[in-house]
Amino acid sequence: MPLFIDNHPICLPSSTADFIERYSQLKEGAKSLKSKPVHKIDSKGLLYVQQREFAATTPQDGSVSILGTEDATTCHLVVLRHTGSGATSLGHCDGSDTEMTVPLMLNAVKSLSVGCDSGRYEVHLIGGFIDERSLSHKLTLKLLKAFNSQSENIHLETYCLTELNDVVKKNVHWPVIYGMAVNVKTGEIFHATFPDRGPDEVIRSARNFLGGSIMSIYDAKVEQLQIEPYQWTPFPAAQFWLQQPDQVILQNFSTSPLVEPPHFVKHMRSIFRFLSDYPTESLFPEGRSRIYKKTMDGLWERTDCAA
């Protein structure tokens, strides 16, 4: 079934510029989203989604009311929601597994909407900018194609991608929005930043660094976050990279080194230290997942074994 804009099926574009020209009405929504203030989201009720992850839940969730993600430069952020059930999924796409990510997100929302006979699927797409390697442009086109190939009609409600998420500062192109959140209860999306990105921030980031595929991290039916086990061989290069200057790390590990957030290099160093210091057995004993649930004060607590 096709992707819809204003209740009309889209024509897949040959370029992102062509898409914006053909559907110029999208500009106003992007402008409105970018003009709103950035919300700092605290831990209570938050489920933070990292790169190559997605999560889905419903308004009836007693633990999670906000899905959020950040640190997108060339990455794209996707919110898919069913207006009848309120079931909502948030994904952080980096260009790998795009064809797999979209149907997984759709199936997650569908499974949480069983029995709901009214409503429609709506999608909000945010992120990217006019980067030197055109990675954002390529990912935008891949996402549009993937959504246009799904079995359900999906309505594009927000398009703030690539050219429409770009600003020039001192002759350098930057993304306007790096992070966003969705209120699961209301469906509202907004520009956001997140002091807390746990649980297991570094463990999850290392999985992505090692090339892990897209992963669902939340089971809404039991309201628990699950980090599935993964393995890695010794990473002798970790010590080498830890000894390198910040600029060398930035140039080698970023898709957009001129516009990364200030903490990018610090975060990469934490991944190198993690891969150097921890054997897999100590983190996933007997191949068990790491499972967390929210406490009464809204913080994640490990429940599968002693933390």
C-alpha atoms as a PDB file:
ATOM      1  CA  MET A   1       0.000   0.000   0.000  1.00  0.00           C
ATOM      2  CA  PRO A   2       1.275   3.508  -0.661  1.00  0.00           C
ATOM      3  CA  LEU A   3       2.397   6.228   1.706  1.00  0.00           C
ATOM      4  CA  PHE A   4      -0.116   9.087   1.824  1.00  0.00           C
ATOM      5  CA  ILE A   5       0.160  12.859   2.116  1.00  0.00           C
ATOM      6  CA  ASP A   6      -3.105  14.765   2.637  1.00  0.00           C
ATOM      7  CA  ASN A   7      -4.984  11.527   1.886  1.00  0.00           C
ATOM      8  CA  HIS A   8      -3.340  11.147  -1.533  1.00  0.00           C
ATOM      9  CA  PRO A   9      -0.781   8.444  -2.366  1.00  0.00           C
ATOM     10  CA  ILE A  10       2.711   9.794  -2.890  1.00  0.00           C
ATOM     11  CA  CYS A  11       4.874   9.492  -5.964  1.00  0.00           C
ATOM     12  CA  LEU A  12       8.306   8.241  -4.974  1.00  0.00           C
ATOM     13  CA  PRO A  13      10.827  10.987  -5.750  1.00  0.00           C
ATOM     14  CA  SER A  14      14.128  10.787  -7.580  1.00  0.00           C
ATOM     15  CA  SER A  15      15.660  13.185  -5.037  1.00  0.00           C
ATOM     16  CA  THR A  16      14.830  14.784  -1.716  1.00  0.00           C
ATOM     17  CA  ALA A  17      14.682  18.193  -3.434  1.00  0.00           C
ATOM     18  CA  ASP A  18      12.099  16.812  -5.863  1.00  0.00           C
ATOM     19  CA  PHE A  19      10.017  15.497  -2.959  1.00  0.00           C
ATOM     20  CA  ILE A  20       9.983  18.865  -1.167  1.00  0.00           C
ATOM     21  CA  GLU A  21       9.102  20.705  -4.362  1.00  0.00           C
ATOM     22  CA  ARG A  22       6.266  18.301  -5.125  1.00  0.00           C
ATOM     23  CA  TYR A  23       4.885  18.399  -1.562  1.00  0.00           C
ATOM     24  CA  SER A  24       5.705  21.943  -0.533  1.00  0.00           C
ATOM     25  CA  GLN A  25       2.977  21.848   2.133  1.00  0.00           C
ATOM     26  CA  LEU A  26       5.401  19.801   4.278  1.00  0.00           C
ATOM     27  CA  LYS A  27       7.588  22.861   4.816  1.00  0.00           C
ATOM     28  CA  GLU A  28       5.170  24.543   7.200  1.00  0.00           C
ATOM     29  CA  GLY A  29       5.045  21.576   9.564  1.00  0.00           C
ATOM     30  CA  ALA A  30       8.830  21.321   9.630  1.00  0.00           C
ATOM     31  CA  LYS A  31       9.145  25.044  10.275  1.00  0.00           C
ATOM     32  CA  SER A  32       6.677  24.847  13.152  1.00  0.00           C
ATOM     33  CA  LEU A  33       8.475  21.889  14.757  1.00  0.00           C
ATOM     34  CA  LYS A  34      11.884  23.578  14.519  1.00  0.00           C
ATOM     35  CA  SER A  35      10.587  26.820  16.021  1.00  0.00           C
ATOM     36  CA  LYS A  36       9.433  25.221  19.265  1.00  0.00           C
ATOM     37  CA  PRO A  37      11.671  25.170  22.368  1.00  0.00           C
ATOM     38  CA  VAL A  38      13.767  22.148  23.282  1.00  0.00           C
ATOM     39  CA  HIS A  39      12.350  20.126  26.186  1.00  0.00           C
ATOM     40  CA  LYS A  40      14.750  18.570  28.694  1.00  0.00           C
ATOM     41  CA  ILE A  41      13.212  15.204  29.570  1.00  0.00           C
ATOM     42  CA  ASP A  42      13.815  13.675  32.985  1.00  0.00           C
ATOM     43  CA  SER A  43      13.975   9.955  33.731  1.00  0.00           C
ATOM     44  CA  LYS A  44      10.486   9.398  35.086  1.00  0.00           C
ATOM     45  CA  GLY A  45       8.310   7.812  32.437  1.00  0.00           C
ATOM     46  CA  LEU A  46      11.091   7.920  29.831  1.00  0.00           C
ATOM     47  CA  LEU A  47      12.213   5.082  27.594  1.00  0.00           C
ATOM     48  CA  TYR A  48      15.355   6.187  25.747  1.00  0.00           C
ATOM     49  CA  VAL A  49      16.019   4.607  22.348  1.00  0.00           C
ATOM     50  CA  GLN A  50      19.546   4.422  20.976  1.00  0.00           C
ATOM     51  CA  GLN A  51      20.819   4.128  17.418  1.00  0.00           C
ATOM     52  CA  ARG A  52      19.674   0.898  15.690  1.00  0.00           C
ATOM     53  CA  GLU A  53      16.971   0.406  18.288  1.00  0.00           C
ATOM     54  CA  PHE A  54      13.225   0.849  18.396  1.00  0.00           C
ATOM     55  CA  ALA A  55      10.572   0.559  21.076  1.00  0.00           C
ATOM     56  CA  ALA A  56       6.785   0.396  21.014  1.00  0.00           C
ATOM     57  CA  THR A  57       4.118   0.824  23.666  1.00  0.00           C
ATOM     58  CA  THR A  58       0.578   2.079  24.281  1.00  0.00           C
ATOM     59  CA  PRO A  59      -1.140   4.830  26.280  1.00  0.00           C
ATOM     60  CA  GLN A  60      -2.108   2.166  28.852  1.00  0.00           C
ATOM     61  CA  ASP A  61       1.546   1.597  29.780  1.00  0.00           C
ATOM     62  CA  GLY A  62       1.957   2.311  33.488  1.00  0.00           C
ATOM     63  CA  SER A  63       5.742   2.657  33.298  1.00  0.00           C
ATOM     64  CA  VAL A  64       6.517   4.541  30.085  1.00  0.00           C
ATOM     65  CA  SER A  65       4.808   7.706  28.895  1.00  0.00           C
ATOM     66  CA  ILE A  66       7.631   9.212  26.790  1.00  0.00           C
ATOM     67  CA  LEU A  67       9.711   7.600  24.041  1.00  0.00           C
ATOM     68  CA  GLY A  68      12.806   9.606  23.145  1.00  0.00           C
ATOM     69  CA  THR A  69      16.086   9.558  21.259  1.00  0.00           C
ATOM     70  CA  GLU A  70      18.937  11.955  20.440  1.00  0.00           C
ATOM     71  CA  ASP A  71      22.366  12.451  18.826  1.00  0.00           C
ATOM     72  CA  ALA A  72      21.079  12.176  15.257  1.00  0.00           C
ATOM     73  CA  THR A  73      23.187  13.950  12.653  1.00  0.00           C
ATOM     74  CA  THR A  74      22.810  11.952   9.435  1.00  0.00           C
ATOM     75  CA  CYS A  75      20.508   9.490  11.248  1.00  0.00           C
ATOM     76  CA  HIS A  76      16.726   9.751  10.941  1.00  0.00           C
ATOM     77  CA  LEU A  77      14.194   9.493  13.768  1.00  0.00           C
ATOM     78  CA  VAL A  78      10.903   7.735  13.097  1.00  0.00           C
ATOM     79  CA  VAL A  79       7.638   7.847  15.058  1.00  0.00           C
ATOM     80  CA  LEU A  80       4.883   5.508  13.887  1.00  0.00           C
ATOM     81  CA  ARG A  81       1.499   5.697  15.628  1.00  0.00           C
ATOM     82  CA  HIS A  82      -1.958   4.194  15.266  1.00  0.00           C
ATOM     83  CA  THR A  83      -4.503   6.911  15.993  1.00  0.00           C
ATOM     84  CA  GLY A  84      -7.164   4.484  17.175  1.00  0.00           C
ATOM     85  CA  SER A  85      -5.239   2.433  19.727  1.00  0.00           C
ATOM     86  CA  GLY A  86      -2.593   5.070  20.435  1.00  0.00           C
ATOM     87  CA  ALA A  87       0.087   2.390  20.035  1.00  0.00           C
ATOM     88  CA  THR A  88       3.338   4.173  19.221  1.00  0.00           C
ATOM     89  CA  SER A  89       6.796   3.119  18.092  1.00  0.00           C
ATOM     90  CA  LEU A  90       9.983   5.193  17.983  1.00  0.00           C
ATOM     91  CA  GLY A  91      13.047   4.145  15.990  1.00  0.00           C
ATOM     92  CA  HIS A  92      16.530   5.602  15.453  1.00  0.00           C
ATOM     93  CA  CYS A  93      17.673   4.718  11.913  1.00  0.00           C
ATOM     94  CA  ASP A  94      21.241   5.078  10.676  1.00  0.00           C
ATOM     95  CA  GLY A  95      20.851   3.708   7.137  1.00  0.00           C
ATOM     96  CA  SER A  96      21.509   0.060   7.904  1.00  0.00           C
ATOM     97  CA  ASP A  97      18.617  -2.414   7.920  1.00  0.00           C
ATOM     98  CA  THR A  98      16.158   0.270   6.767  1.00  0.00           C
ATOM     99  CA  GLU A  99      14.087  -2.236   4.796  1.00  0.00           C
ATOM    100  CA  MET A 100      13.902  -4.420   7.921  1.00  0.00           C
ATOM    101  CA  THR A 101      13.344  -1.630  10.445  1.00  0.00           C
ATOM    102  CA  VAL A 102      10.152  -0.211   8.949  1.00  0.00           C
ATOM    103  CA  PRO A 103       8.142  -3.477   8.855  1.00  0.00           C
ATOM    104  CA  LEU A 104       9.373  -4.389  12.340  1.00  0.00           C
ATOM    105  CA  MET A 105       8.108  -1.070  13.685  1.00  0.00           C
ATOM    106  CA  LEU A 106       4.817  -1.455  11.821  1.00  0.00           C
ATOM    107  CA  ASN A 107       4.300  -4.997  13.100  1.00  0.00           C
ATOM    108  CA  ALA A 108       5.012  -3.855  16.652  1.00  0.00           C
ATOM    109  CA  VAL A 109       2.330  -1.165  16.419  1.00  0.00           C
ATOM    110  CA  LYS A 110      -0.112  -3.550  14.726  1.00  0.00           C
ATOM    111  CA  SER A 111       0.319  -6.169  17.448  1.00  0.00           C
ATOM    112  CA  LEU A 112      -0.463  -3.543  20.095  1.00  0.00           C
ATOM    113  CA  SER A 113      -3.550  -2.400  18.155  1.00  0.00           C
ATOM    114  CA  VAL A 114      -5.336  -5.736  17.824  1.00  0.00           C
ATOM    115  CA  GLY A 115      -9.060  -5.307  18.374  1.00  0.00           C
ATOM    116  CA  CYS A 116      -9.073  -1.627  17.497  1.00  0.00           C
ATOM    117  CA  ASP A 117     -11.336  -1.149  14.489  1.00  0.00           C
ATOM    118  CA  SER A 118     -10.941   2.608  13.993  1.00  0.00           C
ATOM    119  CA  GLY A 119      -7.981   4.878  13.338  1.00  0.00           C
ATOM    120  CA  ARG A 120      -5.095   4.977  10.902  1.00  0.00           C
ATOM    121  CA  TYR A 121      -1.304   4.684  10.852  1.00  0.00           C
ATOM    122  CA  GLU A 122       0.602   7.977  10.929  1.00  0.00           C
ATOM    123  CA  VAL A 123       4.330   8.538  10.639  1.00  0.00           C
ATOM    124  CA  HIS A 124       6.601  11.407  11.630  1.00  0.00           C
ATOM    125  CA  LEU A 125      10.104  11.594  10.098  1.00  0.00           C
ATOM    126  CA  ILE A 126      12.776  13.890  11.540  1.00  0.00           C
ATOM    127  CA  GLY A 127      16.551  14.243  11.193  1.00  0.00           C
ATOM    128  CA  GLY A 128      19.446  14.475   8.791  1.00  0.00           C
ATOM    129  CA  PHE A 129      20.823  17.604   7.120  1.00  0.00           C
ATOM    130  CA  ILE A 130      22.717  18.608   3.977  1.00  0.00           C
ATOM    131  CA  ASP A 131      25.869  16.636   4.785  1.00  0.00           C
ATOM    132  CA  GLU A 132      28.929  16.501   2.558  1.00  0.00           C
ATOM    133  CA  ARG A 133      28.548  12.790   1.748  1.00  0.00           C
ATOM    134  CA  SER A 134      24.781  13.001   1.058  1.00  0.00           C
ATOM    135  CA  LEU A 135      24.156  10.238   3.594  1.00  0.00           C
ATOM    136  CA  SER A 136      21.052  12.051   4.840  1.00  0.00           C
ATOM    137  CA  HIS A 137      19.634  12.343   1.330  1.00  0.00           C
ATOM    138  CA  LYS A 138      20.131   8.622   0.688  1.00  0.00           C
ATOM    139  CA  LEU A 139      18.525   7.608   3.977  1.00  0.00           C
ATOM    140  CA  THR A 140      15.525   9.877   3.381  1.00  0.00           C
ATOM    141  CA  LEU A 141      14.850   8.202   0.036  1.00  0.00           C
ATOM    142  CA  LYS A 142      15.307   4.722   1.539  1.00  0.00           C
ATOM    143  CA  LEU A 143      12.807   5.475   4.310  1.00  0.00           C
ATOM    144  CA  LEU A 144      10.213   6.880   1.924  1.00  0.00           C
ATOM    145  CA  LYS A 145      10.554   3.806  -0.276  1.00  0.00           C
ATOM    146  CA  ALA A 146      10.331   1.441   2.703  1.00  0.00           C
ATOM    147  CA  PHE A 147       7.171   3.051   4.079  1.00  0.00           C
ATOM    148  CA  ASN A 148       5.644   3.145   0.620  1.00  0.00           C
ATOM    149  CA  SER A 149       6.135  -0.639   0.366  1.00  0.00           C
ATOM    150  CA  GLN A 150       4.232  -1.668   3.510  1.00  0.00           C
ATOM    151  CA  SER A 151       1.011  -3.672   3.640  1.00  0.00           C
ATOM    152  CA  GLU A 152      -0.922  -0.899   5.412  1.00  0.00           C
ATOM    153  CA  ASN A 153      -1.782   2.633   4.343  1.00  0.00           C
ATOM    154  CA  ILE A 154       0.461   5.010   6.281  1.00  0.00           C
ATOM    155  CA  HIS A 155      -0.055   8.768   6.420  1.00  0.00           C
ATOM    156  CA  LEU A 156       2.995  11.044   6.474  1.00  0.00           C
ATOM    157  CA  GLU A 157       2.169  13.721   9.046  1.00  0.00           C
ATOM    158  CA  THR A 158       5.599  15.241   9.725  1.00  0.00           C
ATOM    159  CA  TYR A 159       8.516  15.519   7.318  1.00  0.00           C
ATOM    160  CA  CYS A 160      11.449  17.414   8.823  1.00  0.00           C
ATOM    161  CA  LEU A 161      14.298  15.669   7.010  1.00  0.00           C
ATOM    162  CA  THR A 162      17.571  16.627   5.333  1.00  0.00           C
ATOM    163  CA  GLU A 163      16.990  20.015   3.603  1.00  0.00           C
ATOM    164  CA  LEU A 164      14.122  20.866   5.947  1.00  0.00           C
ATOM    165  CA  ASN A 165      16.239  20.080   9.043  1.00  0.00           C
ATOM    166  CA  ASP A 166      19.257  22.068   7.887  1.00  0.00           C
ATOM    167  CA  VAL A 167      20.775  25.362   9.008  1.00  0.00           C
ATOM    168  CA  VAL A 168      23.995  27.042   7.879  1.00  0.00           C
ATOM    169  CA  LYS A 169      26.270  28.450  10.580  1.00  0.00           C
ATOM    170  CA  LYS A 170      29.653  29.950   9.643  1.00  0.00           C
ATOM    171  CA  ASN A 171      29.436  28.356   6.184  1.00  0.00           C
ATOM    172  CA  VAL A 172      28.839  24.891   7.647  1.00  0.00           C
ATOM    173  CA  HIS A 173      25.593  22.934   7.332  1.00  0.00           C
ATOM    174  CA  TRP A 174      24.181  21.680  10.658  1.00  0.00           C
ATOM    175  CA  PRO A 175      21.094  19.715  11.727  1.00  0.00           C
ATOM    176  CA  VAL A 176      18.519  21.814  13.549  1.00  0.00           C
ATOM    177  CA  ILE A 177      16.959  18.938  15.496  1.00  0.00           C
ATOM    178  CA  TYR A 178      19.280  16.312  16.995  1.00  0.00           C
ATOM    179  CA  GLY A 179      16.777  14.700  19.341  1.00  0.00           C
ATOM    180  CA  MET A 180      13.046  14.254  19.731  1.00  0.00           C
ATOM    181  CA  ALA A 181      10.410  12.682  21.928  1.00  0.00           C
ATOM    182  CA  VAL A 182       6.832  11.510  21.594  1.00  0.00           C
ATOM    183  CA  ASN A 183       4.241  11.583  24.337  1.00  0.00           C
ATOM    184  CA  VAL A 184       2.659   8.139  24.146  1.00  0.00           C
ATOM    185  CA  LYS A 185      -0.516   9.316  25.875  1.00  0.00           C
ATOM    186  CA  THR A 186      -1.246  12.182  23.465  1.00  0.00           C
ATOM    187  CA  GLY A 187       0.829  11.443  20.361  1.00  0.00           C
ATOM    188  CA  GLU A 188       2.526  14.864  20.573  1.00  0.00           C
ATOM    189  CA  ILE A 189       6.058  15.006  19.156  1.00  0.00           C
ATOM    190  CA  PHE A 190       8.586  17.618  20.203  1.00  0.00           C
ATOM    191  CA  HIS A 191      12.224  18.664  20.053  1.00  0.00           C
ATOM    192  CA  ALA A 192      13.962  17.180  23.102  1.00  0.00           C
ATOM    193  CA  THR A 193      17.213  16.442  24.910  1.00  0.00           C
ATOM    194  CA  PHE A 194      17.912  13.747  27.501  1.00  0.00           C
ATOM    195  CA  PRO A 195      20.329  13.897  30.455  1.00  0.00           C
ATOM    196  CA  ASP A 196      19.625  10.208  31.179  1.00  0.00           C
ATOM    197  CA  ARG A 197      20.155   7.711  28.334  1.00  0.00           C
ATOM    198  CA  GLY A 198      20.150   4.482  30.265  1.00  0.00           C
ATOM    199  CA  PRO A 199      19.951   1.837  31.263  1.00  0.00           C
ATOM    200  CA  ASP A 200      23.118   0.155  29.989  1.00  0.00           C
ATOM    201  CA  GLU A 201      23.987   3.082  27.739  1.00  0.00           C
ATOM    202  CA  VAL A 202      27.519   1.922  26.933  1.00  0.00           C
ATOM    203  CA  ILE A 203      26.574  -1.761  26.566  1.00  0.00           C
ATOM    204  CA  ARG A 204      23.911  -0.832  24.023  1.00  0.00           C
ATOM    205  CA  SER A 205      26.196   1.632  22.220  1.00  0.00           C
ATOM    206  CA  ALA A 206      28.962  -0.962  21.952  1.00  0.00           C
ATOM    207  CA  ARG A 207      26.527  -3.366  20.327  1.00  0.00           C
ATOM    208  CA  ASN A 208      25.764  -0.766  17.678  1.00  0.00           C
ATOM    209  CA  PHE A 209      29.481   0.016  17.235  1.00  0.00           C
ATOM    210  CA  LEU A 210      30.146  -3.669  16.551  1.00  0.00           C
ATOM    211  CA  GLY A 211      27.523  -3.715  13.799  1.00  0.00           C
ATOM    212  CA  GLY A 212      24.503  -5.142  15.577  1.00  0.00           C
ATOM    213  CA  SER A 213      21.250  -5.207  13.613  1.00  0.00           C
ATOM    214  CA  ILE A 214      18.093  -3.292  14.543  1.00  0.00           C
ATOM    215  CA  MET A 215      16.697  -4.427  17.899  1.00  0.00           C
ATOM    216  CA  SER A 216      13.392  -4.009  19.736  1.00  0.00           C
ATOM    217  CA  ILE A 217      14.243  -3.159  23.335  1.00  0.00           C
ATOM    218  CA  TYR A 218      10.871  -3.089  25.083  1.00  0.00           C
ATOM    219  CA  ASP A 219       8.023  -5.492  25.821  1.00  0.00           C
ATOM    220  CA  ALA A 220       4.994  -3.325  26.503  1.00  0.00           C
ATOM    221  CA  LYS A 221       2.859  -6.260  27.669  1.00  0.00           C
ATOM    222  CA  VAL A 222       5.076  -6.822  30.717  1.00  0.00           C
ATOM    223  CA  GLU A 223       6.500  -3.279  30.793  1.00  0.00           C
ATOM    224  CA  GLN A 224      10.133  -4.320  30.759  1.00  0.00           C
ATOM    225  CA  LEU A 225      13.212  -3.261  28.844  1.00  0.00           C
ATOM    226  CA  GLN A 226      15.375  -6.085  27.585  1.00  0.00           C
ATOM    227  CA  ILE A 227      18.962  -5.990  26.301  1.00  0.00           C
ATOM    228  CA  GLU A 228      19.596  -9.216  24.441  1.00  0.00           C
ATOM    229  CA  PRO A 229      23.030 -10.842  24.787  1.00  0.00           C
ATOM    230  CA  TYR A 230      25.646 -10.369  22.139  1.00  0.00           C
ATOM    231  CA  GLN A 231      29.261 -11.427  21.872  1.00  0.00           C
ATOM    232  CA  TRP A 232      32.489  -9.855  20.759  1.00  0.00           C
ATOM    233  CA  THR A 233      36.020 -11.065  20.288  1.00  0.00           C
ATOM    234  CA  PRO A 234      38.877  -9.247  22.022  1.00  0.00           C
ATOM    235  CA  PHE A 235      39.251  -5.767  20.624  1.00  0.00           C
ATOM    236  CA  PRO A 236      43.006  -5.045  20.751  1.00  0.00           C
ATOM    237  CA  ALA A 237      42.570  -1.805  18.803  1.00  0.00           C
ATOM    238  CA  ALA A 238      40.666  -0.327  21.747  1.00  0.00           C
ATOM    239  CA  GLN A 239      43.837   0.697  23.525  1.00  0.00           C
ATOM    240  CA  PHE A 240      45.196   2.235  20.347  1.00  0.00           C
ATOM    241  CA  TRP A 241      42.114   4.413  19.890  1.00  0.00           C
ATOM    242  CA  LEU A 242      42.080   5.410  23.541  1.00  0.00           C
ATOM    243  CA  GLN A 243      45.532   6.917  23.019  1.00  0.00           C
ATOM    244  CA  GLN A 244      44.501   8.991  20.008  1.00  0.00           C
ATOM    245  CA  PRO A 245      43.656  12.722  20.105  1.00  0.00           C
ATOM    246  CA  ASP A 246      40.010  13.734  20.092  1.00  0.00           C
ATOM    247  CA  GLN A 247      40.185  15.013  16.528  1.00  0.00           C
ATOM    248  CA  VAL A 248      41.476  11.681  15.220  1.00  0.00           C
ATOM    249  CA  ILE A 249      38.608   9.803  16.876  1.00  0.00           C
ATOM    250  CA  LEU A 250      36.110  12.321  15.543  1.00  0.00           C
ATOM    251  CA  GLN A 251      37.381  12.030  11.978  1.00  0.00           C
ATOM    252  CA  ASN A 252      37.451   8.237  12.010  1.00  0.00           C
ATOM    253  CA  PHE A 253      34.186   7.383  13.742  1.00  0.00           C
ATOM    254  CA  SER A 254      31.718  10.099  12.805  1.00  0.00           C
ATOM    255  CA  THR A 255      29.695  10.348   9.609  1.00  0.00           C
ATOM    256  CA  SER A 256      29.617  14.136  10.148  1.00  0.00           C
ATOM    257  CA  PRO A 257      32.621  15.236  12.252  1.00  0.00           C
ATOM    258  CA  LEU A 258      32.002  18.977  11.938  1.00  0.00           C
ATOM    259  CA  VAL A 259      28.590  18.868  13.587  1.00  0.00           C
ATOM    260  CA  GLU A 260      28.700  16.149  16.240  1.00  0.00           C
ATOM    261  CA  PRO A 261      27.436  17.049  19.720  1.00  0.00           C
ATOM    262  CA  PRO A 262      30.176  17.994  22.219  1.00  0.00           C
ATOM    263  CA  HIS A 263      30.071  14.660  24.049  1.00  0.00           C
ATOM    264  CA  PHE A 264      30.664  12.500  20.951  1.00  0.00           C
ATOM    265  CA  VAL A 265      34.367  11.768  21.547  1.00  0.00           C
ATOM    266  CA  LYS A 266      33.864  11.168  25.271  1.00  0.00           C
ATOM    267  CA  HIS A 267      31.163   8.655  24.412  1.00  0.00           C
ATOM    268  CA  MET A 268      33.367   6.869  21.878  1.00  0.00           C
ATOM    269  CA  ARG A 269      36.144   6.591  24.474  1.00  0.00           C
ATOM    270  CA  SER A 270      33.666   4.988  26.890  1.00  0.00           C
ATOM    271  CA  ILE A 271      32.902   2.356  24.225  1.00  0.00           C
ATOM    272  CA  PHE A 272      36.599   1.619  23.676  1.00  0.00           C
ATOM    273  CA  ARG A 273      37.173   1.243  27.422  1.00  0.00           C
ATOM    274  CA  PHE A 274      34.152  -1.040  27.685  1.00  0.00           C
ATOM    275  CA  LEU A 275      35.312  -3.325  24.852  1.00  0.00           C
ATOM    276  CA  SER A 276      38.764  -3.434  26.396  1.00  0.00           C
ATOM    277  CA  ASP A 277      37.686  -4.157  29.972  1.00  0.00           C
ATOM    278  CA  TYR A 278      34.636  -6.442  29.915  1.00  0.00           C
ATOM    279  CA  PRO A 279      34.322 -10.053  28.759  1.00  0.00           C
ATOM    280  CA  THR A 280      30.861 -10.981  27.510  1.00  0.00           C
ATOM    281  CA  GLU A 281      30.373 -13.626  30.207  1.00  0.00           C
ATOM    282  CA  SER A 282      30.358 -11.043  32.972  1.00  0.00           C
ATOM    283  CA  LEU A 283      27.577  -9.040  31.342  1.00  0.00           C
ATOM    284  CA  PHE A 284      25.353 -11.819  30.008  1.00  0.00           C
ATOM    285  CA  PRO A 285      25.963 -14.794  32.309  1.00  0.00           C
ATOM    286  CA  GLU A 286      24.776 -18.053  30.760  1.00  0.00           C
ATOM    287  CA  GLY A 287      23.574 -16.051  27.751  1.00  0.00           C
ATOM    288  CA  ARG A 288      20.793 -14.323  29.694  1.00  0.00           C
ATOM    289  CA  SER A 289      19.341 -10.976  28.653  1.00  0.00           C
ATOM    290  CA  ARG A 290      19.652  -7.961  30.915  1.00  0.00           C
ATOM    291  CA  ILE A 291      16.109  -7.041  31.989  1.00  0.00           C
ATOM    292  CA  TYR A 292      14.915  -3.820  33.598  1.00  0.00           C
ATOM    293  CA  LYS A 293      11.633  -2.503  34.961  1.00  0.00           C
ATOM    294  CA  LYS A 294      10.674   0.944  36.206  1.00  0.00           C
ATOM    295  CA  THR A 295      10.579   1.533  39.961  1.00  0.00           C
ATOM    296  CA  MET A 296       7.949   3.646  41.691  1.00  0.00           C
ATOM    297  CA  ASP A 297      10.213   6.701  41.353  1.00  0.00           C
ATOM    298  CA  GLY A 298      10.505   6.194  37.598  1.00  0.00           C
ATOM    299  CA  LEU A 299      14.055   4.797  37.432  1.00  0.00           C
ATOM    300  CA  TRP A 300      15.131   1.602  35.692  1.00  0.00           C
ATOM    301  CA  GLU A 301      15.975  -1.295  38.009  1.00  0.00           C
ATOM    302  CA  ARG A 302      17.640  -4.521  36.937  1.00  0.00           C
ATOM    303  CA  THR A 303      15.395  -7.499  37.662  1.00  0.00           C
ATOM    304  CA  ASP A 304      16.939 -10.555  35.974  1.00  0.00           C
ATOM    305  CA  CYS A 305      19.650 -10.889  38.629  1.00  0.00           C
ATOM    306  CA  ALA A 306      21.665  -8.801  41.038  1.00  0.00           C
ATOM    307  CA  ALA A 307      22.978  -5.724  39.206  1.00  0.00           C
END
